[in-house]
Amino acid sequence: MDEIYNEYSKFVYKYLLALTNNKDLSEELMQETFYSAIKNIKTFKNDSNIKTWLCKIAKNKWIDYLKRNHKYKNIDIYEISEFYFNNESFEDSYIDKDNLLNLYKKIFSLDDNSKNVVLLRVKSDFSFKEIGQILGKSESWARTTYYRAKLKLKEMIDNEEK
């Protein structure tokens, strides 16, 4: 399990950070995720890869946290602006921090499914198959949702420039 932790802990942390927007909470939930994974390693089936399985556990830990606390902390865009997306065509023109911040605002204004797919794809570099598995949908659903979200973001950017 040490090898799994060493290989995937940073990845799971980044995934949780995308969900929580809170460094301390992400660290705590990551520890809970790996504790749960250790306890339940016998339930792991090879129908998905270990990374996807860990992200499902992490997402469930996040949902449990929200249920326990009966609240959802509003996302502070300024706090997460330090994290950059990898290069995708619609982000290429958003180089400086002000534009990046503006892009994040637009992403977080999307519906939950679109926002989650975009963040999982560009921040955590999940494949569409993995995104579908994490969200309990198909690969084609993830691909289509991402494509439509990109079109919506491009539309928002174009409307802003007018």
Protein backbone atom coordinates (compact mmCIF):
# COMPACT_ATOMS: atom_id res chain seq x y z
CA MET A 1 0.00 0.00 0.00
CA ASP A 2 2.99 2.33 0.52
CA GLU A 3 3.73 2.13 -3.19
CA ILE A 4 0.14 3.02 -4.04
CA TYR A 5 0.21 5.93 -1.60
CA ASN A 6 3.51 7.24 -2.98
CA GLU A 7 2.28 6.96 -6.55
CA TYR A 8 -1.24 8.36 -6.15
CA SER A 9 -1.37 10.58 -3.05
CA LYS A 10 -0.45 13.77 -4.92
CA PHE A 11 -2.99 12.95 -7.62
CA VAL A 12 -5.78 12.25 -5.10
CA TYR A 13 -4.87 15.42 -3.21
CA LYS A 14 -5.17 17.51 -6.39
CA TYR A 15 -8.51 15.88 -7.17
CA LEU A 16 -9.80 16.66 -3.68
CA LEU A 17 -8.46 20.19 -3.90
CA ALA A 18 -10.48 20.66 -7.08
CA LEU A 19 -13.57 19.51 -5.16
CA THR A 20 -13.00 21.27 -1.83
CA ASN A 21 -10.90 24.31 -2.67
CA ASN A 22 -9.40 23.92 0.80
CA LYS A 23 -5.84 22.69 1.29
CA ASP A 24 -6.29 21.47 4.87
CA LEU A 25 -9.57 19.72 4.14
CA SER A 26 -8.09 18.12 1.03
CA GLU A 27 -5.19 16.77 3.08
CA GLU A 28 -7.56 15.40 5.72
CA LEU A 29 -9.87 13.79 3.16
CA MET A 30 -6.88 12.33 1.33
CA GLN A 31 -5.77 10.61 4.53
CA GLU A 32 -9.29 9.30 5.08
CA THR A 33 -9.36 8.09 1.49
CA PHE A 34 -6.19 6.04 1.85
CA TYR A 35 -7.26 4.72 5.25
CA SER A 36 -10.53 3.56 3.71
CA ALA A 37 -8.66 2.09 0.73
CA ILE A 38 -6.41 0.08 3.06
CA LYS A 39 -9.41 -1.22 4.99
CA ASN A 40 -11.26 -2.16 1.82
CA ILE A 41 -8.46 -3.25 -0.51
CA LYS A 42 -10.08 -6.69 -0.80
CA THR A 43 -13.12 -5.09 -2.45
CA PHE A 44 -11.01 -3.59 -5.25
CA LYS A 45 -11.85 -5.25 -8.53
CA ASN A 46 -9.83 -4.82 -11.66
CA ASP A 47 -12.84 -3.44 -13.54
CA SER A 48 -11.28 0.02 -13.12
CA ASN A 49 -7.77 1.21 -12.43
CA ILE A 50 -6.54 2.02 -8.94
CA LYS A 51 -6.51 5.76 -9.64
CA THR A 52 -10.20 5.77 -10.52
CA TRP A 53 -11.05 3.60 -7.51
CA LEU A 54 -9.21 6.00 -5.18
CA CYS A 55 -11.00 8.99 -6.70
CA LYS A 56 -14.36 7.33 -6.15
CA ILE A 57 -13.44 6.81 -2.50
CA ALA A 58 -12.23 10.42 -2.27
CA LYS A 59 -15.45 11.72 -3.79
CA ASN A 60 -17.47 9.69 -1.28
CA LYS A 61 -15.36 11.09 1.57
CA TRP A 62 -16.09 14.60 0.26
CA ILE A 63 -19.84 13.86 0.09
CA ASP A 64 -19.73 12.43 3.63
CA TYR A 65 -18.00 15.60 4.82
CA LEU A 66 -20.69 17.77 3.25
CA LYS A 67 -23.43 15.70 4.84
CA ARG A 68 -21.77 15.87 8.27
CA ASN A 69 -21.37 19.63 8.11
CA HIS A 70 -24.65 20.47 6.38
CA LYS A 71 -22.99 23.11 4.30
CA TYR A 72 -20.97 23.77 1.25
CA LYS A 73 -18.25 26.39 1.46
CA ASN A 74 -18.46 28.86 -1.37
CA ILE A 75 -15.54 28.61 -3.71
CA ASP A 76 -13.02 31.40 -3.33
CA ILE A 77 -11.74 31.87 -6.86
CA TYR A 78 -8.75 33.91 -5.70
CA GLU A 79 -7.55 31.08 -3.46
CA ILE A 80 -7.36 28.61 -6.34
CA SER A 81 -6.00 30.94 -9.01
CA GLU A 82 -2.49 29.64 -8.28
CA PHE A 83 -3.35 26.36 -10.00
CA TYR A 84 -2.94 26.41 -13.76
CA PHE A 85 -4.64 24.36 -16.38
CA ASN A 86 -2.66 22.36 -18.86
CA ASN A 87 -2.82 23.75 -22.38
CA GLU A 88 -6.12 23.30 -24.11
CA SER A 89 -7.27 25.29 -27.10
CA PHE A 90 -9.84 27.43 -25.30
CA GLU A 91 -7.33 28.32 -22.56
CA ASP A 92 -4.49 29.35 -24.86
CA SER A 93 -5.56 33.01 -24.86
CA TYR A 94 -5.88 33.05 -21.07
CA ILE A 95 -2.24 33.39 -20.08
CA ASP A 96 -2.09 36.06 -17.39
CA LYS A 97 -3.60 35.66 -13.93
CA ASP A 98 -6.48 38.09 -14.45
CA ASN A 99 -7.62 36.20 -17.49
CA LEU A 100 -7.06 32.87 -15.73
CA LEU A 101 -9.15 34.10 -12.82
CA ASN A 102 -11.86 35.15 -15.24
CA LEU A 103 -11.76 31.70 -16.85
CA TYR A 104 -12.12 30.03 -13.44
CA LYS A 105 -15.16 32.17 -12.69
CA LYS A 106 -16.72 31.06 -15.95
CA ILE A 107 -15.94 27.40 -15.27
CA PHE A 108 -17.51 27.62 -11.81
CA SER A 109 -20.62 29.23 -13.29
CA LEU A 110 -21.27 26.12 -15.42
CA ASP A 111 -23.72 23.47 -14.28
CA ASP A 112 -22.23 20.91 -11.86
CA ASN A 113 -21.72 18.15 -14.42
CA SER A 114 -19.94 20.42 -16.88
CA LYS A 115 -17.83 22.03 -14.18
CA ASN A 116 -16.78 18.65 -12.77
CA VAL A 117 -15.88 17.23 -16.17
CA VAL A 118 -13.83 20.30 -17.13
CA LEU A 119 -11.96 20.34 -13.82
CA LEU A 120 -11.29 16.61 -13.89
CA ARG A 121 -10.06 16.82 -17.46
CA VAL A 122 -7.88 19.92 -17.38
CA LYS A 123 -6.74 20.08 -13.76
CA SER A 124 -6.36 16.42 -12.94
CA ASP A 125 -5.69 15.13 -16.47
CA PHE A 126 -8.18 12.26 -16.29
CA SER A 127 -9.11 10.44 -19.46
CA PHE A 128 -12.73 10.59 -20.57
CA LYS A 129 -13.11 6.95 -19.61
CA GLU A 130 -11.85 7.69 -16.08
CA ILE A 131 -14.10 10.74 -15.78
CA GLY A 132 -17.07 8.64 -16.79
CA GLN A 133 -16.17 6.00 -14.20
CA ILE A 134 -15.69 8.57 -11.44
CA LEU A 135 -19.00 10.29 -12.18
CA GLY A 136 -20.89 7.05 -12.85
CA LYS A 137 -21.47 7.86 -16.51
CA SER A 138 -20.17 6.62 -19.84
CA GLU A 139 -17.01 7.68 -21.60
CA SER A 140 -19.05 9.20 -24.43
CA TRP A 141 -21.13 11.18 -21.91
CA ALA A 142 -17.92 12.62 -20.42
CA ARG A 143 -16.54 13.45 -23.87
CA THR A 144 -19.80 15.12 -24.97
CA THR A 145 -20.18 17.04 -21.72
CA TYR A 146 -16.60 18.32 -22.00
CA TYR A 147 -17.11 19.36 -25.62
CA ARG A 148 -20.34 21.22 -24.79
CA ALA A 149 -18.72 22.88 -21.77
CA LYS A 150 -15.86 24.10 -23.96
CA LEU A 151 -18.37 25.54 -26.43
CA LYS A 152 -20.24 27.25 -23.59
CA LEU A 153 -17.01 28.71 -22.20
CA LYS A 154 -15.98 29.94 -25.64
CA GLU A 155 -19.41 31.54 -26.03
CA MET A 156 -19.06 33.26 -22.64
CA ILE A 157 -15.62 34.56 -23.59
CA ASP A 158 -16.80 35.76 -27.00
CA ASN A 159 -19.82 37.55 -25.46
CA GLU A 160 -17.57 39.24 -22.94
CA GLU A 161 -15.27 40.56 -25.64
CA LYS A 162 -18.15 42.24 -27.51
